[in-house]
Amino acid sequence: DCGREEAGGRVSWVRVLSGQIRGCGRCGGLAREPEDGRPKMPEANSTKEGKEAWRGRYYKLEEIQEHKTSQSTWIILHRRVYDLTKFLEEHPGGEEVLREQAGGDATENFEDVGHSTDARALSETYIIGELHPDDWEKVQKPIDTYISTVDSNTSSWTTWVIAAIAAALAVFLYRFYMPG
C-alpha cells in the first residue's frame, strides 16, 4: 500500500523516521508497514526480467556530468549511477544537497552523512547503471601523501644541536637567576 493518500499526499517525516512508514519501491513514494509487523522494504531497481536490471549498463563520466540540472540529476555512489531527478523534492536533507553533487561522485559525502539502512535501501531503487570502468580512476580521490617541509637529504643533527643549545641556555638561566 502506498502512503501517498495520507494528508492529501503528504506524509510527515516524523512517521517516516520513526519507522512507521518506509520508502515504496513501486512509486518512489512512501509505504505503510504491513500488519504482521515486518518491515516492508522497497525492492531493488528491478523489472519483469529480474532484479538489478541496471547491471551491465555502463555510463561514461562525460555523460553523467551532463545530468546536473533539476530536470535531470544523476550522481555516482560507489561506482553506481543514480538518477535522482524524481527524488529531489522528497530528499530529507533538501534538494540543494543533491543538486550540489549532481553530475559527479557523491560517495564521500553520502558516507560522511551516515545514511540509515532505510535510506540505503531506498537509494537502490534509483540505480540506472554503473560507471564505465575506463572512468573509475577519474573519480577516485587521490591518496593523501605525506608532504614534508624538511629536505630529506638534510641530516637530523641540526635538530639535536638546537635542542642542546636550548638545554644549555635553560641550565645557565636557572643557575644565574636562582639564589643558592
N, C-alpha and C. Protein backbone atom coordinates (compact mmCIF):
# COMPACT_ATOMS: atom_id res chain seq x y z
N ASP A 1 0.83 -1.19 0.00
CA ASP A 1 0.00 0.00 0.00
C ASP A 1 0.87 1.24 0.00
N CYS A 2 0.56 2.13 -0.87
CA CYS A 2 1.30 3.37 -0.96
C CYS A 2 0.71 4.37 0.02
N GLY A 3 1.54 5.08 0.76
CA GLY A 3 1.07 6.01 1.77
C GLY A 3 0.82 7.40 1.27
N ARG A 4 0.85 7.61 -0.04
CA ARG A 4 0.71 8.96 -0.58
C ARG A 4 -0.66 9.58 -0.32
N GLU A 5 -1.69 8.76 -0.12
CA GLU A 5 -3.01 9.34 0.05
C GLU A 5 -3.18 9.99 1.42
N GLU A 6 -2.31 9.71 2.37
CA GLU A 6 -2.43 10.32 3.70
C GLU A 6 -2.21 11.82 3.63
N ALA A 7 -3.02 12.55 4.35
CA ALA A 7 -2.89 14.01 4.48
C ALA A 7 -2.74 14.67 3.11
N GLY A 8 -3.55 14.27 2.18
CA GLY A 8 -3.53 14.92 0.87
C GLY A 8 -2.25 14.67 0.11
N GLY A 9 -1.64 13.50 0.29
CA GLY A 9 -0.42 13.19 -0.44
C GLY A 9 0.84 13.53 0.33
N ARG A 10 0.72 14.08 1.51
CA ARG A 10 1.90 14.42 2.31
C ARG A 10 1.95 13.53 3.55
N VAL A 11 3.08 12.97 3.82
CA VAL A 11 3.27 12.14 4.99
C VAL A 11 4.34 12.80 5.82
N SER A 12 4.13 12.90 7.11
CA SER A 12 5.11 13.60 7.94
C SER A 12 6.39 12.79 8.04
N TRP A 13 7.51 13.48 8.04
CA TRP A 13 8.81 12.81 8.14
C TRP A 13 8.99 12.19 9.51
N VAL A 14 8.25 12.66 10.52
CA VAL A 14 8.32 12.05 11.85
C VAL A 14 7.89 10.59 11.74
N ARG A 15 6.81 10.35 11.02
CA ARG A 15 6.33 8.97 10.85
C ARG A 15 7.32 8.15 10.02
N VAL A 16 7.97 8.78 9.06
CA VAL A 16 8.94 8.08 8.24
C VAL A 16 10.15 7.70 9.09
N LEU A 17 10.68 8.67 9.81
CA LEU A 17 11.89 8.43 10.59
C LEU A 17 11.65 7.51 11.77
N SER A 18 10.43 7.48 12.31
CA SER A 18 10.13 6.61 13.43
C SER A 18 9.95 5.16 12.99
N GLY A 19 9.90 4.92 11.68
CA GLY A 19 9.79 3.57 11.17
C GLY A 19 8.37 3.14 10.89
N GLN A 20 7.39 4.02 11.11
CA GLN A 20 6.00 3.65 10.82
C GLN A 20 5.77 3.59 9.32
N ILE A 21 6.52 4.39 8.57
CA ILE A 21 6.36 4.42 7.12
C ILE A 21 7.74 4.32 6.50
N ARG A 22 7.88 3.55 5.43
CA ARG A 22 9.16 3.38 4.76
C ARG A 22 9.00 3.68 3.28
N GLY A 23 10.13 3.74 2.57
CA GLY A 23 10.11 4.04 1.14
C GLY A 23 9.42 2.94 0.34
N CYS A 24 8.67 3.34 -0.64
CA CYS A 24 7.94 2.41 -1.51
C CYS A 24 8.72 2.22 -2.80
N GLY A 25 9.06 1.00 -3.14
CA GLY A 25 9.84 0.73 -4.33
C GLY A 25 9.04 0.84 -5.61
N ARG A 26 7.71 0.78 -5.53
CA ARG A 26 6.88 0.82 -6.72
C ARG A 26 6.67 2.23 -7.24
N CYS A 27 6.42 3.17 -6.34
CA CYS A 27 6.08 4.51 -6.82
C CYS A 27 7.13 5.55 -6.46
N GLY A 28 8.15 5.15 -5.68
CA GLY A 28 9.14 6.12 -5.23
C GLY A 28 8.62 6.93 -4.06
N GLY A 29 7.39 6.63 -3.63
CA GLY A 29 6.80 7.35 -2.51
C GLY A 29 7.02 6.61 -1.21
N LEU A 30 6.03 6.64 -0.35
CA LEU A 30 6.17 6.03 0.96
C LEU A 30 5.19 4.88 1.11
N ALA A 31 5.57 3.86 1.88
CA ALA A 31 4.71 2.69 2.05
C ALA A 31 4.47 2.44 3.53
N ARG A 32 3.27 2.01 3.87
CA ARG A 32 2.93 1.69 5.25
C ARG A 32 3.57 0.37 5.66
N GLU A 33 3.75 0.20 6.96
CA GLU A 33 4.22 -1.08 7.48
C GLU A 33 3.12 -2.13 7.29
N PRO A 34 3.46 -3.35 6.94
CA PRO A 34 2.43 -4.39 6.85
C PRO A 34 1.92 -4.73 8.25
N GLU A 35 0.76 -5.34 8.30
CA GLU A 35 0.13 -5.63 9.58
C GLU A 35 0.89 -6.67 10.39
N ASP A 36 1.71 -7.51 9.76
CA ASP A 36 2.43 -8.53 10.51
C ASP A 36 3.64 -7.96 11.26
N GLY A 37 3.92 -6.66 11.08
CA GLY A 37 4.98 -6.02 11.82
C GLY A 37 6.35 -6.09 11.16
N ARG A 38 6.49 -6.91 10.12
CA ARG A 38 7.78 -6.99 9.44
C ARG A 38 7.96 -5.77 8.56
N PRO A 39 9.19 -5.24 8.47
CA PRO A 39 9.40 -4.06 7.63
C PRO A 39 9.12 -4.36 6.17
N LYS A 40 8.49 -3.42 5.50
CA LYS A 40 8.23 -3.54 4.07
C LYS A 40 9.26 -2.67 3.38
N MET A 41 10.26 -3.28 2.82
CA MET A 41 11.35 -2.55 2.20
C MET A 41 11.15 -2.49 0.70
N PRO A 42 11.59 -1.41 0.07
CA PRO A 42 11.48 -1.35 -1.38
C PRO A 42 12.40 -2.37 -2.02
N GLU A 43 11.94 -2.95 -3.11
CA GLU A 43 12.78 -3.89 -3.83
C GLU A 43 13.80 -3.11 -4.62
N ALA A 44 14.93 -3.74 -4.89
CA ALA A 44 15.97 -3.09 -5.70
C ALA A 44 15.40 -2.78 -7.07
N ASN A 45 15.96 -1.79 -7.73
CA ASN A 45 15.52 -1.38 -9.05
C ASN A 45 15.43 -2.62 -9.94
N SER A 46 14.21 -3.02 -10.23
CA SER A 46 14.04 -4.26 -10.97
C SER A 46 12.93 -4.13 -12.01
N THR A 47 12.93 -5.07 -12.90
CA THR A 47 11.89 -5.13 -13.93
C THR A 47 11.38 -6.55 -13.98
N LYS A 48 10.50 -6.83 -14.93
CA LYS A 48 9.98 -8.18 -15.07
C LYS A 48 11.08 -9.17 -15.44
N GLU A 49 12.16 -8.67 -16.06
CA GLU A 49 13.25 -9.57 -16.46
C GLU A 49 14.02 -10.07 -15.25
N GLY A 50 13.96 -9.36 -14.13
CA GLY A 50 14.69 -9.79 -12.95
C GLY A 50 15.28 -8.61 -12.21
N LYS A 51 15.80 -8.92 -11.03
CA LYS A 51 16.38 -7.87 -10.20
C LYS A 51 17.66 -7.33 -10.81
N GLU A 52 17.94 -6.10 -10.43
CA GLU A 52 19.18 -5.43 -10.85
C GLU A 52 19.32 -5.41 -12.37
N ALA A 53 18.29 -4.98 -13.04
CA ALA A 53 18.31 -4.88 -14.49
C ALA A 53 19.34 -3.87 -14.98
N TRP A 54 19.80 -3.00 -14.09
CA TRP A 54 20.78 -1.99 -14.44
C TRP A 54 22.18 -2.57 -14.61
N ARG A 55 22.42 -3.77 -14.07
CA ARG A 55 23.77 -4.37 -14.17
C ARG A 55 24.15 -4.53 -15.64
N GLY A 56 25.36 -4.15 -15.96
CA GLY A 56 25.85 -4.24 -17.32
C GLY A 56 25.57 -3.00 -18.14
N ARG A 57 24.83 -2.06 -17.58
CA ARG A 57 24.59 -0.77 -18.25
C ARG A 57 25.65 0.21 -17.76
N TYR A 58 26.53 0.61 -18.65
CA TYR A 58 27.64 1.48 -18.28
C TYR A 58 27.44 2.89 -18.83
N TYR A 59 27.83 3.86 -18.03
CA TYR A 59 27.75 5.26 -18.43
C TYR A 59 29.14 5.88 -18.30
N LYS A 60 29.53 6.62 -19.30
CA LYS A 60 30.80 7.34 -19.27
C LYS A 60 30.65 8.57 -18.38
N LEU A 61 31.74 8.99 -17.76
CA LEU A 61 31.73 10.14 -16.87
C LEU A 61 31.24 11.39 -17.57
N GLU A 62 31.63 11.57 -18.83
CA GLU A 62 31.21 12.75 -19.58
C GLU A 62 29.69 12.83 -19.70
N GLU A 63 29.06 11.69 -19.89
CA GLU A 63 27.60 11.65 -19.99
C GLU A 63 26.95 11.97 -18.65
N ILE A 64 27.49 11.42 -17.59
CA ILE A 64 26.95 11.66 -16.24
C ILE A 64 27.06 13.14 -15.89
N GLN A 65 28.16 13.77 -16.26
CA GLN A 65 28.38 15.18 -15.95
C GLN A 65 27.37 16.10 -16.65
N GLU A 66 26.74 15.63 -17.70
CA GLU A 66 25.72 16.42 -18.40
C GLU A 66 24.41 16.48 -17.61
N HIS A 67 24.23 15.60 -16.64
CA HIS A 67 22.96 15.49 -15.90
C HIS A 67 23.10 16.15 -14.53
N LYS A 68 23.15 17.46 -14.54
CA LYS A 68 23.27 18.20 -13.27
C LYS A 68 22.30 19.37 -13.22
N THR A 69 21.10 19.13 -13.71
CA THR A 69 20.04 20.14 -13.66
C THR A 69 18.87 19.58 -12.86
N SER A 70 17.91 20.43 -12.54
CA SER A 70 16.73 19.94 -11.81
C SER A 70 15.87 19.06 -12.70
N GLN A 71 16.01 19.17 -14.03
CA GLN A 71 15.26 18.32 -14.95
C GLN A 71 15.90 16.94 -15.09
N SER A 72 17.19 16.83 -14.78
CA SER A 72 17.90 15.56 -14.86
C SER A 72 19.09 15.59 -13.91
N THR A 73 18.98 14.86 -12.81
CA THR A 73 20.01 14.88 -11.77
C THR A 73 20.55 13.48 -11.55
N TRP A 74 21.79 13.26 -11.98
CA TRP A 74 22.45 11.99 -11.79
C TRP A 74 23.65 12.18 -10.87
N ILE A 75 23.92 11.16 -10.04
CA ILE A 75 25.13 11.16 -9.22
C ILE A 75 25.76 9.77 -9.25
N ILE A 76 26.98 9.70 -8.78
CA ILE A 76 27.70 8.43 -8.68
C ILE A 76 27.91 8.13 -7.20
N LEU A 77 27.54 6.92 -6.79
CA LEU A 77 27.81 6.42 -5.44
C LEU A 77 28.44 5.05 -5.59
N HIS A 78 29.63 4.89 -5.10
CA HIS A 78 30.32 3.59 -5.16
C HIS A 78 30.30 3.00 -6.56
N ARG A 79 30.61 3.83 -7.54
CA ARG A 79 30.71 3.45 -8.96
C ARG A 79 29.37 3.07 -9.59
N ARG A 80 28.28 3.31 -8.88
CA ARG A 80 26.96 3.09 -9.46
C ARG A 80 26.36 4.45 -9.81
N VAL A 81 25.58 4.48 -10.88
CA VAL A 81 24.97 5.73 -11.35
C VAL A 81 23.51 5.76 -10.92
N TYR A 82 23.11 6.86 -10.29
CA TYR A 82 21.76 7.04 -9.78
C TYR A 82 21.09 8.22 -10.47
N ASP A 83 19.85 8.04 -10.89
CA ASP A 83 19.04 9.13 -11.42
C ASP A 83 18.11 9.57 -10.29
N LEU A 84 18.43 10.69 -9.65
CA LEU A 84 17.68 11.17 -8.50
C LEU A 84 16.69 12.28 -8.85
N THR A 85 16.42 12.47 -10.11
CA THR A 85 15.54 13.55 -10.55
C THR A 85 14.20 13.52 -9.82
N LYS A 86 13.56 12.37 -9.74
CA LYS A 86 12.24 12.26 -9.11
C LYS A 86 12.31 12.31 -7.58
N PHE A 87 13.51 12.19 -7.01
CA PHE A 87 13.67 12.17 -5.56
C PHE A 87 14.07 13.53 -4.98
N LEU A 88 14.40 14.48 -5.84
CA LEU A 88 14.91 15.78 -5.38
C LEU A 88 14.02 16.43 -4.32
N GLU A 89 12.74 16.54 -4.59
CA GLU A 89 11.83 17.23 -3.67
C GLU A 89 11.56 16.43 -2.40
N GLU A 90 11.79 15.13 -2.44
CA GLU A 90 11.50 14.28 -1.28
C GLU A 90 12.70 14.06 -0.38
N HIS A 91 13.88 14.47 -0.80
CA HIS A 91 15.09 14.23 -0.01
C HIS A 91 15.01 14.97 1.32
N PRO A 92 15.13 14.24 2.44
CA PRO A 92 15.00 14.88 3.76
C PRO A 92 16.03 15.98 4.00
N GLY A 93 17.18 15.89 3.38
CA GLY A 93 18.22 16.90 3.56
C GLY A 93 18.07 18.10 2.64
N GLY A 94 17.07 18.07 1.78
CA GLY A 94 16.82 19.17 0.87
C GLY A 94 17.34 18.89 -0.53
N GLU A 95 16.72 19.55 -1.46
CA GLU A 95 17.07 19.40 -2.88
C GLU A 95 18.48 19.89 -3.18
N GLU A 96 18.88 20.98 -2.55
CA GLU A 96 20.18 21.59 -2.84
C GLU A 96 21.35 20.65 -2.55
N VAL A 97 21.22 19.83 -1.52
CA VAL A 97 22.29 18.90 -1.17
C VAL A 97 22.58 17.98 -2.35
N LEU A 98 21.53 17.48 -2.97
CA LEU A 98 21.71 16.59 -4.13
C LEU A 98 22.16 17.35 -5.36
N ARG A 99 21.64 18.54 -5.55
CA ARG A 99 21.99 19.34 -6.74
C ARG A 99 23.47 19.70 -6.73
N GLU A 100 24.04 19.95 -5.54
CA GLU A 100 25.46 20.29 -5.44
C GLU A 100 26.35 19.14 -5.90
N GLN A 101 25.88 17.93 -5.73
CA GLN A 101 26.67 16.74 -6.09
C GLN A 101 26.36 16.22 -7.48
N ALA A 102 25.34 16.78 -8.12
CA ALA A 102 24.87 16.28 -9.41
C ALA A 102 25.99 16.27 -10.46
N GLY A 103 26.01 15.21 -11.23
CA GLY A 103 26.97 15.08 -12.32
C GLY A 103 28.33 14.57 -11.88
N GLY A 104 28.46 14.20 -10.61
CA GLY A 104 29.77 13.76 -10.13
C GLY A 104 29.66 12.67 -9.08
N ASP A 105 30.81 12.37 -8.47
CA ASP A 105 30.90 11.33 -7.47
C ASP A 105 30.53 11.90 -6.10
N ALA A 106 29.47 11.38 -5.50
CA ALA A 106 28.99 11.86 -4.20
C ALA A 106 29.25 10.83 -3.10
N THR A 107 30.07 9.83 -3.38
CA THR A 107 30.29 8.74 -2.43
C THR A 107 30.77 9.24 -1.08
N GLU A 108 31.80 10.07 -1.07
CA GLU A 108 32.37 10.53 0.19
C GLU A 108 31.33 11.31 1.01
N ASN A 109 30.61 12.21 0.38
CA ASN A 109 29.60 12.98 1.09
C ASN A 109 28.46 12.10 1.59
N PHE A 110 28.05 11.12 0.79
CA PHE A 110 26.99 10.21 1.19
C PHE A 110 27.40 9.43 2.44
N GLU A 111 28.62 8.95 2.46
CA GLU A 111 29.10 8.18 3.60
C GLU A 111 29.34 9.06 4.83
N ASP A 112 29.80 10.29 4.63
CA ASP A 112 30.05 11.20 5.74
C ASP A 112 28.77 11.52 6.51
N VAL A 113 27.64 11.57 5.81
CA VAL A 113 26.36 11.90 6.45
C VAL A 113 25.90 10.75 7.35
N GLY A 114 26.25 9.53 7.00
CA GLY A 114 25.84 8.39 7.80
C GLY A 114 24.39 8.02 7.55
N HIS A 115 24.04 7.75 6.31
CA HIS A 115 22.67 7.42 5.94
C HIS A 115 22.22 6.11 6.60
N SER A 116 20.94 6.04 6.93
CA SER A 116 20.35 4.87 7.58
C SER A 116 20.25 3.70 6.60
N THR A 117 19.94 2.54 7.15
CA THR A 117 19.72 1.35 6.34
C THR A 117 18.54 1.57 5.40
N ASP A 118 17.49 2.23 5.91
CA ASP A 118 16.33 2.51 5.06
C ASP A 118 16.69 3.42 3.90
N ALA A 119 17.51 4.43 4.16
CA ALA A 119 17.92 5.36 3.10
C ALA A 119 18.75 4.62 2.05
N ARG A 120 19.61 3.72 2.50
CA ARG A 120 20.42 2.95 1.56
C ARG A 120 19.54 2.03 0.70
N ALA A 121 18.55 1.40 1.34
CA ALA A 121 17.63 0.53 0.59
C ALA A 121 16.82 1.34 -0.42
N LEU A 122 16.36 2.51 -0.01
CA LEU A 122 15.59 3.36 -0.91
C LEU A 122 16.46 3.82 -2.08
N SER A 123 17.72 4.09 -1.82
CA SER A 123 18.61 4.56 -2.90
C SER A 123 18.76 3.51 -4.00
N GLU A 124 18.65 2.25 -3.64
CA GLU A 124 18.79 1.17 -4.63
C GLU A 124 17.74 1.28 -5.74
N THR A 125 16.60 1.89 -5.43
CA THR A 125 15.54 1.99 -6.43
C THR A 125 15.85 3.02 -7.51
N TYR A 126 16.89 3.83 -7.30
CA TYR A 126 17.23 4.88 -8.25
C TYR A 126 18.46 4.55 -9.11
N ILE A 127 19.02 3.36 -8.95
CA ILE A 127 20.19 2.97 -9.75
C ILE A 127 19.77 2.76 -11.20
N ILE A 128 20.54 3.37 -12.11
CA ILE A 128 20.25 3.18 -13.53
C ILE A 128 21.40 2.49 -14.25
N GLY A 129 22.54 2.35 -13.60
CA GLY A 129 23.67 1.70 -14.25
C GLY A 129 24.93 1.86 -13.43
N GLU A 130 26.06 1.61 -14.09
CA GLU A 130 27.36 1.66 -13.43
C GLU A 130 28.29 2.60 -14.19
N LEU A 131 29.23 3.16 -13.46
CA LEU A 131 30.26 3.98 -14.08
C LEU A 131 31.15 3.08 -14.93
N HIS A 132 31.42 3.52 -16.13
CA HIS A 132 32.26 2.72 -17.03
C HIS A 132 33.63 2.52 -16.40
N PRO A 133 34.16 1.28 -16.45
CA PRO A 133 35.46 1.00 -15.82
C PRO A 133 36.60 1.91 -16.29
N ASP A 134 36.53 2.41 -17.52
CA ASP A 134 37.57 3.32 -18.01
C ASP A 134 37.61 4.62 -17.22
N ASP A 135 36.51 4.96 -16.54
CA ASP A 135 36.42 6.21 -15.81
C ASP A 135 36.61 6.06 -14.30
N TRP A 136 36.84 4.85 -13.82
CA TRP A 136 36.98 4.63 -12.38
C TRP A 136 38.07 5.51 -11.78
N GLU A 137 39.21 5.58 -12.45
CA GLU A 137 40.33 6.36 -11.91
C GLU A 137 40.03 7.85 -11.89
N LYS A 138 39.17 8.30 -12.77
CA LYS A 138 38.85 9.73 -12.85
C LYS A 138 38.06 10.21 -11.64
N VAL A 139 37.32 9.33 -11.00
CA VAL A 139 36.52 9.75 -9.84
C VAL A 139 37.14 9.35 -8.51
N GLN A 140 38.19 8.55 -8.54
CA GLN A 140 38.85 8.18 -7.29
C GLN A 140 39.59 9.38 -6.73
N LYS A 141 39.49 9.52 -5.42
CA LYS A 141 40.21 10.59 -4.75
C LYS A 141 41.69 10.22 -4.72
N PRO A 142 42.59 11.20 -4.93
CA PRO A 142 44.00 10.88 -4.84
C PRO A 142 44.35 10.48 -3.41
N ILE A 143 45.24 9.53 -3.30
CA ILE A 143 45.68 9.09 -1.98
C ILE A 143 46.50 10.21 -1.36
N ASP A 144 46.15 10.57 -0.12
CA ASP A 144 46.88 11.62 0.57
C ASP A 144 48.31 11.16 0.82
N THR A 145 49.24 11.97 0.41
CA THR A 145 50.64 11.65 0.66
C THR A 145 51.18 12.61 1.69
N TYR A 146 52.12 12.12 2.47
CA TYR A 146 52.74 12.95 3.50
C TYR A 146 53.68 13.93 2.82
N ILE A 147 53.46 15.19 3.07
CA ILE A 147 54.31 16.23 2.49
C ILE A 147 55.15 16.82 3.61
N SER A 148 56.43 16.74 3.44
CA SER A 148 57.35 17.25 4.45
C SER A 148 57.98 18.53 3.97
N THR A 149 58.16 19.46 4.89
CA THR A 149 58.83 20.71 4.53
C THR A 149 60.33 20.59 4.74
N VAL A 150 60.77 19.47 5.30
CA VAL A 150 62.19 19.25 5.55
C VAL A 150 62.78 18.49 4.37
N ASP A 151 63.90 18.96 3.88
CA ASP A 151 64.58 18.27 2.80
C ASP A 151 65.05 16.92 3.31
N SER A 152 64.74 15.86 2.60
CA SER A 152 65.08 14.52 3.06
C SER A 152 66.59 14.28 3.09
N ASN A 153 67.38 15.10 2.38
CA ASN A 153 68.83 14.94 2.39
C ASN A 153 69.47 15.58 3.61
N THR A 154 68.73 16.42 4.33
CA THR A 154 69.27 17.09 5.50
C THR A 154 69.36 16.13 6.65
N SER A 155 70.48 16.16 7.34
CA SER A 155 70.67 15.29 8.48
C SER A 155 69.89 15.82 9.67
N SER A 156 69.58 14.95 10.59
CA SER A 156 68.82 15.37 11.77
C SER A 156 69.73 15.92 12.87
N TRP A 157 71.03 16.05 12.61
CA TRP A 157 71.94 16.55 13.65
C TRP A 157 71.63 17.98 14.04
N THR A 158 71.07 18.78 13.10
CA THR A 158 70.75 20.17 13.44
C THR A 158 69.65 20.23 14.50
N THR A 159 68.75 19.29 14.48
CA THR A 159 67.70 19.25 15.50
C THR A 159 68.32 19.02 16.87
N TRP A 160 69.31 18.13 16.95
CA TRP A 160 69.97 17.84 18.23
C TRP A 160 70.80 19.03 18.71
N VAL A 161 71.42 19.72 17.79
CA VAL A 161 72.23 20.89 18.18
C VAL A 161 71.33 21.97 18.78
N ILE A 162 70.21 22.23 18.13
CA ILE A 162 69.28 23.25 18.64
C ILE A 162 68.76 22.84 20.01
N ALA A 163 68.43 21.57 20.19
CA ALA A 163 67.94 21.09 21.48
C ALA A 163 69.02 21.21 22.55
N ALA A 164 70.27 20.91 22.21
CA ALA A 164 71.37 21.00 23.18
C ALA A 164 71.61 22.46 23.57
N ILE A 165 71.56 23.38 22.63
CA ILE A 165 71.76 24.80 22.93
C ILE A 165 70.63 25.30 23.84
N ALA A 166 69.39 24.89 23.55
CA ALA A 166 68.26 25.30 24.38
C ALA A 166 68.41 24.76 25.80
N ALA A 167 68.86 23.52 25.94
CA ALA A 167 69.05 22.93 27.27
C ALA A 167 70.16 23.65 28.03
N ALA A 168 71.27 23.95 27.34
CA ALA A 168 72.38 24.66 28.00
C ALA A 168 71.94 26.05 28.44
N LEU A 169 71.16 26.74 27.63
CA LEU A 169 70.65 28.05 27.98
C LEU A 169 69.73 27.97 29.19
N ALA A 170 68.88 26.94 29.26
CA ALA A 170 67.99 26.76 30.39
C ALA A 170 68.78 26.53 31.68
N VAL A 171 69.83 25.71 31.61
CA VAL A 171 70.68 25.46 32.79
C VAL A 171 71.37 26.74 33.22
N PHE A 172 71.91 27.51 32.29
CA PHE A 172 72.59 28.77 32.60
C PHE A 172 71.64 29.75 33.29
N LEU A 173 70.46 29.93 32.71
CA LEU A 173 69.49 30.86 33.29
C LEU A 173 69.03 30.40 34.67
N TYR A 174 68.86 29.12 34.85
CA TYR A 174 68.45 28.59 36.14
C TYR A 174 69.50 28.90 37.21
N ARG A 175 70.78 28.65 36.90
CA ARG A 175 71.85 28.87 37.87
C ARG A 175 72.08 30.37 38.11
N PHE A 176 71.89 31.18 37.09
CA PHE A 176 72.17 32.61 37.20
C PHE A 176 71.08 33.31 38.02
N TYR A 177 69.84 32.96 37.80
CA TYR A 177 68.73 33.66 38.45
C TYR A 177 68.25 33.02 39.74
N MET A 178 68.61 31.81 40.03
CA MET A 178 68.16 31.14 41.25
C MET A 178 69.17 31.38 42.36
N PRO A 179 68.67 31.86 43.50
CA PRO A 179 69.60 32.07 44.62
C PRO A 179 70.05 30.73 45.15
N GLY A 180 71.22 30.71 45.53
CA GLY A 180 71.62 29.42 46.02
C GLY A 180 72.90 29.37 46.59
